[in-house]
Protein backbone atom coordinates (compact mmCIF):
# COMPACT_ATOMS: atom_id res chain seq x y z
CA MET A 1 93.65 133.31 138.66
CA ASP A 2 89.93 133.37 138.31
CA PHE A 3 88.03 135.16 140.30
CA VAL A 4 84.41 135.07 141.52
CA LYS A 5 81.72 138.01 141.91
CA VAL A 6 79.98 137.32 145.24
CA CYS A 7 77.87 140.50 146.25
CA PRO A 8 78.10 144.47 145.85
CA VAL A 9 80.34 146.25 148.13
CA THR A 10 77.20 148.06 149.92
CA ALA A 11 75.77 144.73 151.04
CA LEU A 12 78.47 144.69 153.73
CA PRO A 13 78.03 146.62 156.68
CA THR A 14 80.74 148.82 157.25
CA GLU A 15 82.71 146.84 160.29
CA GLY A 16 81.07 143.04 159.78
CA ALA A 17 80.41 140.13 158.11
CA ILE A 18 78.18 138.38 155.51
CA GLU A 19 77.89 135.24 154.47
CA VAL A 20 78.05 133.96 150.64
CA LYS A 21 78.72 130.70 148.93
CA VAL A 22 81.61 130.53 146.51
CA GLU A 23 81.72 127.21 144.66
CA GLY A 24 79.40 125.75 146.98
CA ARG A 25 81.67 126.80 149.89
CA ALA A 26 80.80 129.12 152.50
CA VAL A 27 82.72 132.03 152.73
CA ALA A 28 82.27 135.45 155.18
CA VAL A 29 82.99 138.52 153.56
CA VAL A 30 84.33 140.96 155.60
CA ARG A 31 85.02 144.55 155.54
CA SER A 32 87.29 146.01 158.75
CA GLY A 33 88.99 149.29 158.47
CA GLY A 34 87.77 150.07 155.58
CA ARG A 35 89.33 146.84 153.66
CA VAL A 36 86.84 144.05 152.42
CA TYR A 37 88.45 140.11 153.46
CA ALA A 38 87.46 136.90 152.48
CA ILE A 39 87.75 133.95 154.77
CA ASP A 40 85.82 130.45 155.16
CA ASP A 41 83.06 130.73 157.31
CA ARG A 42 83.52 128.18 159.71
CA CYS A 43 85.37 128.38 162.72
CA SER A 44 87.67 125.53 163.22
CA HIS A 45 87.34 125.19 166.43
CA ALA A 46 83.12 124.73 166.62
CA GLU A 47 82.38 124.68 163.07
CA VAL A 48 79.52 127.41 163.49
CA SER A 49 79.45 130.75 161.62
CA LEU A 50 82.21 133.07 161.89
CA ALA A 51 79.82 136.22 159.51
CA GLU A 52 77.23 135.96 162.78
CA GLY A 53 80.45 137.13 164.98
CA GLU A 54 81.77 140.48 165.89
CA VAL A 55 84.38 142.05 163.78
CA TYR A 56 87.60 145.22 165.25
CA ASP A 57 90.61 146.05 164.81
CA GLY A 58 91.19 143.23 161.74
CA THR A 59 89.63 140.25 163.32
CA ILE A 60 86.46 138.31 163.63
CA GLU A 61 85.26 136.81 166.64
CA CYS A 62 83.25 133.32 166.90
CA TRP A 63 80.19 134.05 168.25
CA LEU A 64 79.86 130.80 170.47
CA HIS A 65 83.41 130.26 172.26
CA GLY A 66 84.86 134.09 171.77
CA SER A 67 87.79 132.90 169.32
CA CYS A 68 89.45 135.35 167.48
CA PHE A 69 90.59 135.14 163.44
CA ASP A 70 92.63 137.66 162.00
CA LEU A 71 91.49 138.72 159.01
CA ARG A 72 94.39 138.95 156.69
CA THR A 73 95.99 135.14 157.54
CA GLY A 74 93.21 133.26 158.97
CA GLU A 75 95.45 132.60 161.83
CA PRO A 76 93.71 132.40 165.08
CA THR A 77 94.29 135.15 167.49
CA ASN A 78 92.88 133.76 171.10
CA PRO A 79 91.97 130.06 172.26
CA PRO A 80 89.73 128.12 172.30
CA ALA A 81 90.29 127.88 168.36
CA THR A 82 94.26 126.61 167.78
CA ARG A 83 93.89 126.01 163.79
CA PRO A 84 93.35 128.54 161.78
CA VAL A 85 90.87 129.29 158.87
CA GLY A 86 91.03 129.31 154.99
CA THR A 87 91.68 133.12 153.76
CA TYR A 88 90.77 134.39 150.11
CA GLN A 89 92.33 136.65 147.75
CA VAL A 90 89.88 139.76 147.02
CA ARG A 91 88.99 142.53 144.23
CA VAL A 92 86.87 145.18 144.85
CA GLU A 93 85.87 146.33 141.22
CA ASP A 94 83.54 148.81 140.38
CA GLY A 95 81.19 148.66 143.69
CA ASP A 96 81.26 144.52 143.84
CA VAL A 97 83.40 142.08 145.48
CA TYR A 98 85.07 139.30 143.53
CA VAL A 99 86.77 136.01 145.46
CA ALA A 100 88.89 134.00 144.14
CA PRO A 101 87.41 130.50 144.83
CA GLY A 102 90.89 128.08 144.25
CA GLY A 103 92.73 130.61 146.89
CA ALA A 104 92.15 129.27 150.18
CA GLN A 105 95.02 128.96 152.12
CA PRO A 106 94.68 127.71 155.96
């Protein structure tokens, strides 16, 4: 599987997210609990950026209506969202974050 370099690890907040483009697709790269994750950057309920939401306990919260998504699986952990968001394989190497663009799994 090919990976694409998306940002240096230092660009990520200690507990938070940034939006990057991976082959034209908006992806939220998230650091939580010392781990790095990548998920689709659009809430499955309201189509707003998840990277603008709060990150805590391995989840990201949509800033608009409060739906939370598990960073490992993309599954919603509370309403109003009922559909998962896609997740991507991530690799951290030599201080940089790499995402597998073909790996989105809803």
